[in-house]
PDB file of N, CA and C in Angstrom:
ATOM      1  N   MET A   1       0.816  -1.182   0.019  1.00  0.00           N
ATOM      2  CA  MET A   1       0.076  -0.097   0.075  1.00  0.00           C
ATOM      3  C   MET A   1       0.731   1.175  -0.003  1.00  0.00           C
ATOM      4  N   THR A   2       0.447   2.142  -0.813  1.00  0.00           N
ATOM      5  CA  THR A   2       1.345   3.395  -0.858  1.00  0.00           C
ATOM      6  C   THR A   2       1.028   4.407   0.337  1.00  0.00           C
ATOM      7  N   ASP A   3       1.939   5.325   0.399  1.00  0.00           N
ATOM      8  CA  ASP A   3       1.716   6.529   1.530  1.00  0.00           C
ATOM      9  C   ASP A   3       0.406   6.984   1.358  1.00  0.00           C
ATOM     10  N   ALA A   4       0.149   7.388   0.039  1.00  0.00           N
ATOM     11  CA  ALA A   4      -1.112   8.155  -0.170  1.00  0.00           C
ATOM     12  C   ALA A   4      -2.304   7.302   0.168  1.00  0.00           C
ATOM     13  N   MET A   5      -2.310   5.938  -0.216  1.00  0.00           N
ATOM     14  CA  MET A   5      -3.398   5.129   0.206  1.00  0.00           C
ATOM     15  C   MET A   5      -3.481   4.904   1.738  1.00  0.00           C
ATOM     16  N   ASP A   6      -2.414   5.099   2.362  1.00  0.00           N
ATOM     17  CA  ASP A   6      -2.480   4.910   3.847  1.00  0.00           C
ATOM     18  C   ASP A   6      -3.081   6.132   4.499  1.00  0.00           C
ATOM     19  N   ALA A   7      -2.637   7.277   3.931  1.00  0.00           N
ATOM     20  CA  ALA A   7      -3.307   8.634   4.535  1.00  0.00           C
ATOM     21  C   ALA A   7      -4.770   8.578   4.128  1.00  0.00           C
ATOM     22  N   LEU A   8      -5.135   8.095   3.020  1.00  0.00           N
ATOM     23  CA  LEU A   8      -6.546   8.104   2.619  1.00  0.00           C
ATOM     24  C   LEU A   8      -7.332   7.281   3.578  1.00  0.00           C
ATOM     25  N   ALA A   9      -7.002   6.025   3.732  1.00  0.00           N
ATOM     26  CA  ALA A   9      -7.422   5.112   4.868  1.00  0.00           C
ATOM     27  C   ALA A   9      -7.541   5.679   6.358  1.00  0.00           C
ATOM     28  N   ARG A  10      -6.414   6.221   6.652  1.00  0.00           N
ATOM     29  CA  ARG A  10      -6.480   6.806   8.085  1.00  0.00           C
ATOM     30  C   ARG A  10      -7.478   8.169   7.978  1.00  0.00           C
ATOM     31  N   SER A  11      -7.640   8.974   7.085  1.00  0.00           N
ATOM     32  CA  SER A  11      -8.629  10.003   7.195  1.00  0.00           C
ATOM     33  C   SER A  11     -10.164   9.391   7.079  1.00  0.00           C
ATOM     34  N   LEU A  12     -10.336   8.449   6.201  1.00  0.00           N
ATOM     35  CA  LEU A  12     -11.659   7.670   6.327  1.00  0.00           C
ATOM     36  C   LEU A  12     -11.958   7.173   7.573  1.00  0.00           C
ATOM     37  N   SER A  13     -10.987   6.488   8.184  1.00  0.00           N
ATOM     38  CA  SER A  13     -11.404   5.902   9.465  1.00  0.00           C
ATOM     39  C   SER A  13     -11.542   6.957  10.628  1.00  0.00           C
ATOM     40  N   ILE A  14     -11.110   8.071  10.565  1.00  0.00           N
ATOM     41  CA  ILE A  14     -11.427   9.020  11.638  1.00  0.00           C
ATOM     42  C   ILE A  14     -12.430  10.062  11.268  1.00  0.00           C
ATOM     43  N   ASN A  15     -13.204   9.953  10.215  1.00  0.00           N
ATOM     44  CA  ASN A  15     -14.200  10.757   9.649  1.00  0.00           C
ATOM     45  C   ASN A  15     -13.756  12.077   9.399  1.00  0.00           C
ATOM     46  N   LYS A  16     -12.559  12.109   8.732  1.00  0.00           N
ATOM     47  CA  LYS A  16     -11.809  13.435   8.233  1.00  0.00           C
ATOM     48  C   LYS A  16     -11.911  13.383   6.707  1.00  0.00           C
ATOM     49  N   VAL A  17     -12.073  14.557   6.193  1.00  0.00           N
ATOM     50  CA  VAL A  17     -11.949  14.831   4.758  1.00  0.00           C
ATOM     51  C   VAL A  17     -10.632  14.683   4.417  1.00  0.00           C
ATOM     52  N   PRO A  18     -10.292  13.647   3.474  1.00  0.00           N
ATOM     53  CA  PRO A  18      -8.791  13.524   3.081  1.00  0.00           C
ATOM     54  C   PRO A  18      -8.148  14.827   2.506  1.00  0.00           C
ATOM     55  N   ASP A  19      -6.937  14.955   2.722  1.00  0.00           N
ATOM     56  CA  ASP A  19      -6.267  16.240   2.308  1.00  0.00           C
ATOM     57  C   ASP A  19      -6.282  16.325   0.731  1.00  0.00           C
ATOM     58  N   ASN A  20      -6.030  15.200  -0.005  1.00  0.00           N
ATOM     59  CA  ASN A  20      -6.038  15.380  -1.476  1.00  0.00           C
ATOM     60  C   ASN A  20      -7.470  15.632  -1.941  1.00  0.00           C
ATOM     61  N   TRP A  21      -8.469  15.269  -1.349  1.00  0.00           N
ATOM     62  CA  TRP A  21      -9.917  15.798  -1.606  1.00  0.00           C
ATOM     63  C   TRP A  21      -9.982  17.220  -1.358  1.00  0.00           C
ATOM     64  N   ALA A  22      -9.604  17.521  -0.148  1.00  0.00           N
ATOM     65  CA  ALA A  22      -9.905  19.008   0.453  1.00  0.00           C
ATOM     66  C   ALA A  22      -9.046  19.976  -0.668  1.00  0.00           C
ATOM     67  N   LYS A  23      -8.020  19.602  -1.248  1.00  0.00           N
ATOM     68  CA  LYS A  23      -7.310  20.386  -2.158  1.00  0.00           C
ATOM     69  C   LYS A  23      -8.134  20.780  -3.264  1.00  0.00           C
ATOM     70  N   VAL A  24      -9.039  19.841  -3.969  1.00  0.00           N
ATOM     71  CA  VAL A  24      -9.845  20.385  -5.000  1.00  0.00           C
ATOM     72  C   VAL A  24     -11.333  20.554  -4.854  1.00  0.00           C
ATOM     73  N   ALA A  25     -11.546  20.601  -3.412  1.00  0.00           N
ATOM     74  CA  ALA A  25     -12.998  20.752  -3.069  1.00  0.00           C
ATOM     75  C   ALA A  25     -13.152  22.023  -2.605  1.00  0.00           C
ATOM     76  N   TYR A  26     -14.516  22.460  -2.059  1.00  0.00           N
ATOM     77  CA  TYR A  26     -14.844  23.653  -1.297  1.00  0.00           C
ATOM     78  C   TYR A  26     -14.155  23.744   0.055  1.00  0.00           C
ATOM     79  N   ALA A  27     -13.863  24.671   0.492  1.00  0.00           N
ATOM     80  CA  ALA A  27     -13.387  24.648   1.999  1.00  0.00           C
ATOM     81  C   ALA A  27     -14.515  24.367   2.991  1.00  0.00           C
ATOM     82  N   SER A  28     -14.100  23.590   3.945  1.00  0.00           N
ATOM     83  CA  SER A  28     -15.052  23.185   4.852  1.00  0.00           C
ATOM     84  C   SER A  28     -14.264  22.521   6.210  1.00  0.00           C
ATOM     85  N   LYS A  29     -14.901  22.909   7.358  1.00  0.00           N
ATOM     86  CA  LYS A  29     -14.411  22.227   8.479  1.00  0.00           C
ATOM     87  C   LYS A  29     -15.207  21.045   9.178  1.00  0.00           C
ATOM     88  N   LYS A  30     -16.259  20.805   8.301  1.00  0.00           N
ATOM     89  CA  LYS A  30     -17.095  19.679   8.769  1.00  0.00           C
ATOM     90  C   LYS A  30     -16.462  18.312   8.686  1.00  0.00           C
ATOM     91  N   PRO A  31     -16.988  17.307   9.504  1.00  0.00           N
ATOM     92  CA  PRO A  31     -16.317  16.027   9.292  1.00  0.00           C
ATOM     93  C   PRO A  31     -16.808  15.405   8.144  1.00  0.00           C
ATOM     94  N   LEU A  32     -16.026  14.417   7.595  1.00  0.00           N
ATOM     95  CA  LEU A  32     -16.392  13.719   6.407  1.00  0.00           C
ATOM     96  C   LEU A  32     -17.839  13.338   6.087  1.00  0.00           C
ATOM     97  N   SER A  33     -18.451  12.762   7.091  1.00  0.00           N
ATOM     98  CA  SER A  33     -19.962  12.347   6.844  1.00  0.00           C
ATOM     99  C   SER A  33     -20.743  13.586   6.589  1.00  0.00           C
ATOM    100  N   ALA A  34     -20.633  14.591   7.357  1.00  0.00           N
ATOM    101  CA  ALA A  34     -21.338  15.959   7.005  1.00  0.00           C
ATOM    102  C   ALA A  34     -20.991  16.552   5.800  1.00  0.00           C
ATOM    103  N   TRP A  35     -19.554  16.469   5.335  1.00  0.00           N
ATOM    104  CA  TRP A  35     -19.181  17.108   4.156  1.00  0.00           C
ATOM    105  C   TRP A  35     -19.580  16.412   3.065  1.00  0.00           C
ATOM    106  N   TYR A  36     -19.794  15.128   3.098  1.00  0.00           N
ATOM    107  CA  TYR A  36     -20.213  14.303   2.011  1.00  0.00           C
ATOM    108  C   TYR A  36     -21.687  14.571   1.648  1.00  0.00           C
ATOM    109  N   ASN A  37     -22.562  14.614   2.860  1.00  0.00           N
ATOM    110  CA  ASN A  37     -23.980  15.018   2.706  1.00  0.00           C
ATOM    111  C   ASN A  37     -24.107  16.486   1.917  1.00  0.00           C
ATOM    112  N   ASP A  38     -23.316  17.319   2.486  1.00  0.00           N
ATOM    113  CA  ASP A  38     -23.284  18.822   1.918  1.00  0.00           C
ATOM    114  C   ASP A  38     -23.040  18.647   0.286  1.00  0.00           C
ATOM    115  N   LEU A  39     -21.910  17.883   0.135  1.00  0.00           N
ATOM    116  CA  LEU A  39     -21.534  17.949  -1.397  1.00  0.00           C
ATOM    117  C   LEU A  39     -22.472  17.250  -2.123  1.00  0.00           C
ATOM    118  N   ILE A  40     -23.247  16.199  -1.672  1.00  0.00           N
ATOM    119  CA  ILE A  40     -24.405  15.700  -2.557  1.00  0.00           C
ATOM    120  C   ILE A  40     -25.582  16.666  -2.726  1.00  0.00           C
ATOM    121  N   ASP A  41     -25.899  17.490  -1.628  1.00  0.00           N
ATOM    122  CA  ASP A  41     -26.841  18.561  -1.819  1.00  0.00           C
ATOM    123  C   ASP A  41     -26.446  19.558  -2.841  1.00  0.00           C
ATOM    124  N   ARG A  42     -25.205  20.039  -2.684  1.00  0.00           N
ATOM    125  CA  ARG A  42     -24.573  20.978  -3.789  1.00  0.00           C
ATOM    126  C   ARG A  42     -24.799  20.347  -5.151  1.00  0.00           C
ATOM    127  N   ILE A  43     -24.415  19.083  -5.248  1.00  0.00           N
ATOM    128  CA  ILE A  43     -24.510  18.518  -6.649  1.00  0.00           C
ATOM    129  C   ILE A  43     -26.055  18.580  -7.157  1.00  0.00           C
ATOM    130  N   GLN A  44     -26.932  18.342  -6.298  1.00  0.00           N
ATOM    131  CA  GLN A  44     -28.277  18.077  -6.538  1.00  0.00           C
ATOM    132  C   GLN A  44     -28.811  19.387  -6.908  1.00  0.00           C
ATOM    133  N   GLN A  45     -28.465  20.492  -6.139  1.00  0.00           N
ATOM    134  CA  GLN A  45     -28.790  21.899  -6.631  1.00  0.00           C
ATOM    135  C   GLN A  45     -28.318  22.187  -7.807  1.00  0.00           C
ATOM    136  N   LEU A  46     -27.189  22.022  -8.177  1.00  0.00           N
ATOM    137  CA  LEU A  46     -26.596  22.406  -9.634  1.00  0.00           C
ATOM    138  C   LEU A  46     -27.227  21.579 -10.615  1.00  0.00           C
ATOM    139  N   HIS A  47     -27.613  20.224 -10.331  1.00  0.00           N
ATOM    140  CA  HIS A  47     -28.188  19.549 -11.291  1.00  0.00           C
ATOM    141  C   HIS A  47     -29.562  19.948 -11.686  1.00  0.00           C
ATOM    142  N   ASP A  48     -30.428  20.371 -10.679  1.00  0.00           N
ATOM    143  CA  ASP A  48     -31.686  20.880 -10.764  1.00  0.00           C
ATOM    144  C   ASP A  48     -31.680  22.187 -11.442  1.00  0.00           C
ATOM    145  N   TRP A  49     -30.654  23.092 -11.144  1.00  0.00           N
ATOM    146  CA  TRP A  49     -30.569  24.229 -11.653  1.00  0.00           C
ATOM    147  C   TRP A  49     -30.265  24.308 -13.217  1.00  0.00           C
ATOM    148  N   THR A  50     -29.335  23.506 -13.535  1.00  0.00           N
ATOM    149  CA  THR A  50     -29.027  23.244 -14.877  1.00  0.00           C
ATOM    150  C   THR A  50     -30.010  22.521 -15.938  1.00  0.00           C
ATOM    151  N   SER A  51     -30.893  21.697 -15.186  1.00  0.00           N
ATOM    152  CA  SER A  51     -31.886  20.989 -15.967  1.00  0.00           C
ATOM    153  C   SER A  51     -33.073  22.060 -16.329  1.00  0.00           C
ATOM    154  N   GLU A  52     -33.218  22.924 -15.394  1.00  0.00           N
ATOM    155  CA  GLU A  52     -34.409  23.845 -15.621  1.00  0.00           C
ATOM    156  C   GLU A  52     -33.933  25.122 -16.606  1.00  0.00           C
ATOM    157  N   MET A  53     -32.635  25.388 -16.477  1.00  0.00           N
ATOM    158  CA  MET A  53     -32.030  26.582 -17.285  1.00  0.00           C
ATOM    159  C   MET A  53     -32.716  27.748 -17.051  1.00  0.00           C
ATOM    160  N   GLN A  54     -33.142  28.130 -15.997  1.00  0.00           N
ATOM    161  CA  GLN A  54     -33.683  29.311 -15.544  1.00  0.00           C
ATOM    162  C   GLN A  54     -33.511  29.567 -14.113  1.00  0.00           C
ATOM    163  N   MET A  55     -33.392  31.087 -13.962  1.00  0.00           N
ATOM    164  CA  MET A  55     -33.088  31.448 -12.532  1.00  0.00           C
ATOM    165  C   MET A  55     -34.095  31.001 -11.527  1.00  0.00           C
ATOM    166  N   PRO A  56     -33.491  30.159 -10.543  1.00  0.00           N
ATOM    167  CA  PRO A  56     -34.408  29.756  -9.419  1.00  0.00           C
ATOM    168  C   PRO A  56     -34.992  31.009  -8.761  1.00  0.00           C
ATOM    169  N   LYS A  57     -36.097  30.733  -7.984  1.00  0.00           N
ATOM    170  CA  LYS A  57     -36.770  31.685  -7.111  1.00  0.00           C
ATOM    171  C   LYS A  57     -35.852  32.066  -5.883  1.00  0.00           C
ATOM    172  N   SER A  58     -35.332  30.930  -5.313  1.00  0.00           N
ATOM    173  CA  SER A  58     -34.518  31.015  -4.268  1.00  0.00           C
ATOM    174  C   SER A  58     -33.288  30.219  -4.444  1.00  0.00           C
ATOM    175  N   LEU A  59     -32.161  30.533  -3.760  1.00  0.00           N
ATOM    176  CA  LEU A  59     -30.960  29.824  -4.008  1.00  0.00           C
ATOM    177  C   LEU A  59     -30.131  29.616  -2.762  1.00  0.00           C
ATOM    178  N   TRP A  60     -29.537  28.535  -2.594  1.00  0.00           N
ATOM    179  CA  TRP A  60     -28.743  28.213  -1.382  1.00  0.00           C
ATOM    180  C   TRP A  60     -27.241  28.801  -1.786  1.00  0.00           C
ATOM    181  N   ILE A  61     -27.175  30.190  -1.541  1.00  0.00           N
ATOM    182  CA  ILE A  61     -25.831  30.687  -2.000  1.00  0.00           C
ATOM    183  C   ILE A  61     -24.525  30.126  -1.451  1.00  0.00           C
ATOM    184  N   SER A  62     -24.562  29.802  -0.121  1.00  0.00           N
ATOM    185  CA  SER A  62     -23.339  29.191   0.461  1.00  0.00           C
ATOM    186  C   SER A  62     -23.108  27.865  -0.097  1.00  0.00           C
ATOM    187  N   GLY A  63     -23.873  27.254  -0.907  1.00  0.00           N
ATOM    188  CA  GLY A  63     -23.839  25.905  -1.392  1.00  0.00           C
ATOM    189  C   GLY A  63     -23.068  26.144  -2.813  1.00  0.00           C
ATOM    190  N   LEU A  64     -22.783  27.229  -3.111  1.00  0.00           N
ATOM    191  CA  LEU A  64     -22.145  27.569  -4.468  1.00  0.00           C
ATOM    192  C   LEU A  64     -20.532  27.471  -4.131  1.00  0.00           C
ATOM    193  N   PHE A  65     -19.670  26.972  -5.108  1.00  0.00           N
ATOM    194  CA  PHE A  65     -18.395  26.990  -4.921  1.00  0.00           C
ATOM    195  C   PHE A  65     -17.624  28.454  -4.880  1.00  0.00           C
ATOM    196  N   ASN A  66     -18.481  29.288  -5.664  1.00  0.00           N
ATOM    197  CA  ASN A  66     -17.891  30.579  -5.633  1.00  0.00           C
ATOM    198  C   ASN A  66     -18.983  31.538  -5.677  1.00  0.00           C
ATOM    199  N   PRO A  67     -19.661  31.848  -4.646  1.00  0.00           N
ATOM    200  CA  PRO A  67     -20.838  32.827  -4.583  1.00  0.00           C
ATOM    201  C   PRO A  67     -20.634  34.070  -5.340  1.00  0.00           C
ATOM    202  N   MET A  68     -19.517  34.644  -5.073  1.00  0.00           N
ATOM    203  CA  MET A  68     -19.162  36.184  -5.508  1.00  0.00           C
ATOM    204  C   MET A  68     -19.336  36.152  -7.029  1.00  0.00           C
ATOM    205  N   SER A  69     -18.809  34.990  -7.776  1.00  0.00           N
ATOM    206  CA  SER A  69     -19.038  35.196  -9.428  1.00  0.00           C
ATOM    207  C   SER A  69     -20.543  35.017  -9.686  1.00  0.00           C
ATOM    208  N   PHE A  70     -21.277  34.230  -8.823  1.00  0.00           N
ATOM    209  CA  PHE A  70     -22.688  34.355  -9.157  1.00  0.00           C
ATOM    210  C   PHE A  70     -23.389  35.658  -8.955  1.00  0.00           C
ATOM    211  N   LEU A  71     -23.036  36.365  -7.932  1.00  0.00           N
ATOM    212  CA  LEU A  71     -23.681  37.662  -7.714  1.00  0.00           C
ATOM    213  C   LEU A  71     -23.151  38.708  -8.723  1.00  0.00           C
ATOM    214  N   THR A  72     -22.065  38.615  -9.213  1.00  0.00           N
ATOM    215  CA  THR A  72     -21.229  39.327 -10.332  1.00  0.00           C
ATOM    216  C   THR A  72     -22.074  39.124 -11.612  1.00  0.00           C
ATOM    217  N   ALA A  73     -22.562  37.820 -11.768  1.00  0.00           N
ATOM    218  CA  ALA A  73     -23.199  37.694 -13.095  1.00  0.00           C
ATOM    219  C   ALA A  73     -24.705  38.128 -13.076  1.00  0.00           C
ATOM    220  N   ILE A  74     -25.317  38.115 -11.768  1.00  0.00           N
ATOM    221  CA  ILE A  74     -26.533  38.789 -11.634  1.00  0.00           C
ATOM    222  C   ILE A  74     -26.537  40.105 -11.885  1.00  0.00           C
ATOM    223  N   MET A  75     -25.564  40.760 -11.259  1.00  0.00           N
ATOM    224  CA  MET A  75     -25.424  42.262 -11.427  1.00  0.00           C
ATOM    225  C   MET A  75     -25.164  42.586 -12.958  1.00  0.00           C
ATOM    226  N   GLN A  76     -24.484  41.840 -13.717  1.00  0.00           N
ATOM    227  CA  GLN A  76     -24.320  42.070 -15.205  1.00  0.00           C
ATOM    228  C   GLN A  76     -25.579  41.742 -15.891  1.00  0.00           C
ATOM    229  N   VAL A  77     -26.375  40.837 -15.747  1.00  0.00           N
ATOM    230  CA  VAL A  77     -27.575  40.444 -16.209  1.00  0.00           C
ATOM    231  C   VAL A  77     -28.602  41.673 -15.895  1.00  0.00           C
ATOM    232  N   THR A  78     -28.694  42.041 -14.708  1.00  0.00           N
ATOM    233  CA  THR A  78     -29.662  43.040 -14.566  1.00  0.00           C
ATOM    234  C   THR A  78     -29.252  44.418 -15.261  1.00  0.00           C
ATOM    235  N   ALA A  79     -27.919  44.695 -14.998  1.00  0.00           N
ATOM    236  CA  ALA A  79     -27.511  45.890 -15.968  1.00  0.00           C
ATOM    237  C   ALA A  79     -27.893  45.978 -17.395  1.00  0.00           C
ATOM    238  N   ARG A  80     -27.511  44.722 -18.101  1.00  0.00           N
ATOM    239  CA  ARG A  80     -27.934  44.722 -19.472  1.00  0.00           C
ATOM    240  C   ARG A  80     -29.444  44.699 -19.724  1.00  0.00           C
ATOM    241  N   ALA A  81     -30.413  44.068 -18.843  1.00  0.00           N
ATOM    242  CA  ALA A  81     -31.692  44.188 -18.974  1.00  0.00           C
ATOM    243  C   ALA A  81     -32.412  45.507 -18.723  1.00  0.00           C
ATOM    244  N   LYS A  82     -31.731  46.198 -17.782  1.00  0.00           N
ATOM    245  CA  LYS A  82     -32.213  47.596 -17.681  1.00  0.00           C
ATOM    246  C   LYS A  82     -31.413  48.656 -18.334  1.00  0.00           C
ATOM    247  N   ASN A  83     -30.610  48.171 -19.040  1.00  0.00           N
ATOM    248  CA  ASN A  83     -29.798  49.204 -19.935  1.00  0.00           C
ATOM    249  C   ASN A  83     -29.044  50.214 -19.064  1.00  0.00           C
ATOM    250  N   LEU A  84     -28.418  49.757 -17.968  1.00  0.00           N
ATOM    251  CA  LEU A  84     -27.726  50.477 -17.069  1.00  0.00           C
ATOM    252  C   LEU A  84     -26.160  50.396 -17.165  1.00  0.00           C
ATOM    253  N   PRO A  85     -25.489  51.382 -16.836  1.00  0.00           N
ATOM    254  CA  PRO A  85     -23.961  51.037 -16.778  1.00  0.00           C
ATOM    255  C   PRO A  85     -23.646  50.094 -15.606  1.00  0.00           C
ATOM    256  N   LEU A  86     -22.763  49.161 -15.880  1.00  0.00           N
ATOM    257  CA  LEU A  86     -22.496  48.240 -14.718  1.00  0.00           C
ATOM    258  C   LEU A  86     -21.939  48.919 -13.448  1.00  0.00           C
ATOM    259  N   ASP A  87     -21.276  49.964 -13.551  1.00  0.00           N
ATOM    260  CA  ASP A  87     -20.636  50.665 -12.509  1.00  0.00           C
ATOM    261  C   ASP A  87     -22.004  51.293 -11.583  1.00  0.00           C
ATOM    262  N   ASP A  88     -22.981  51.414 -12.068  1.00  0.00           N
ATOM    263  CA  ASP A  88     -24.106  52.108 -11.256  1.00  0.00           C
ATOM    264  C   ASP A  88     -24.824  50.983 -10.617  1.00  0.00           C
ATOM    265  N   VAL A  89     -24.654  49.612 -10.888  1.00  0.00           N
ATOM    266  CA  VAL A  89     -25.240  48.552 -10.127  1.00  0.00           C
ATOM    267  C   VAL A  89     -24.345  48.349  -9.031  1.00  0.00           C
ATOM    268  N   ILE A  90     -24.728  48.403  -7.807  1.00  0.00           N
ATOM    269  CA  ILE A  90     -24.083  48.161  -6.513  1.00  0.00           C
ATOM    270  C   ILE A  90     -24.348  46.810  -5.906  1.00  0.00           C
ATOM    271  N   ASN A  91     -23.298  46.154  -5.498  1.00  0.00           N
ATOM    272  CA  ASN A  91     -23.400  45.034  -4.980  1.00  0.00           C
ATOM    273  C   ASN A  91     -23.459  44.948  -3.369  1.00  0.00           C
TER     274      ASN A  91
END
C-alpha cells in the first residue's frame, strides 16, 4: 500500500476529509460524513438548476463553490436588462 493510500485510509477511519480531496473541493471544517452529505446537496442543486436552465426563485448561495461570481453575473444580467452602466449597479 502506498503512503497516499495509507493517508486516505487513516482519514476515512477518523471521519476526516482526506487532504487530497480537500485540495480540489470547497473549503469546509465539517467532518467527512457531514461534508459528503453537503456535497451531495450541492450537486443536486446544480443539477436541478442546470436542467431547468432558468433562474431559481431562491438559491442556497453558500452551497455554491464561488458565490461572488454568481452575484457578479446577476449584476451584469440586471445591468444589461435595464440598460444601465454596470458601475451603477451596486453589490
